[in-house]
Amino acid sequence: MTRLRSPLKQRGAVTARWERWREHNRQIVQRRAGYACESCHSNMRPLELAHLVGRNNKGIGEPWASCAELTAALCSSGYGVVGCHQAIDRDLDPDLQKQLRQKALVMLMLRFGQRFEGISWSDPLDGIREVVRVLEAEGWSWDGSEIVRL
């Protein structure tokens, strides 16, 4: 008799911890967006939590990549239409991606204080990376439920 594998995915403690963090921030982002896409403002398609700086592949890992400031509520694909989330993930709309990253950079700087006032970067992704580096150097880190200064 052959043993069948369980269809359930195995979830470790680390995976479960990040899933709780992402869900917490997904709820914040959806409320911020008024439950509509933050790009096209459609509320006709399901919303997805879009990571505007990727996860690890852009030099920014968890918890930063999933914090509310660096994510957006974007519509998914459906009904033969490419959604805003897929448009930025597949680089189909680089202008939209840059615009959303610029907004994310501003929100990140506003959340963490005045020391970033007046600073600008030609590439918002470079700005996000630099702000995260500065915050980590100042002792900001994840305490298991939120990003705080340790």
Foldseek 3Di string as FASTA:
>chain_A
DDDDDDPDDDDDPVNVLQVVQLVVLVVVQCVVLVCAFPQPRDNPAHWDKAQLQDAPPNPHHPPVSRHNLRIHTWGCDDPPRHTPRVCVVVVVDVVSSQVSLQSSLVVLDVVPDDPCPPDDDPGSSVSSNVSVVVCVVQQFDDPSHDTDRD
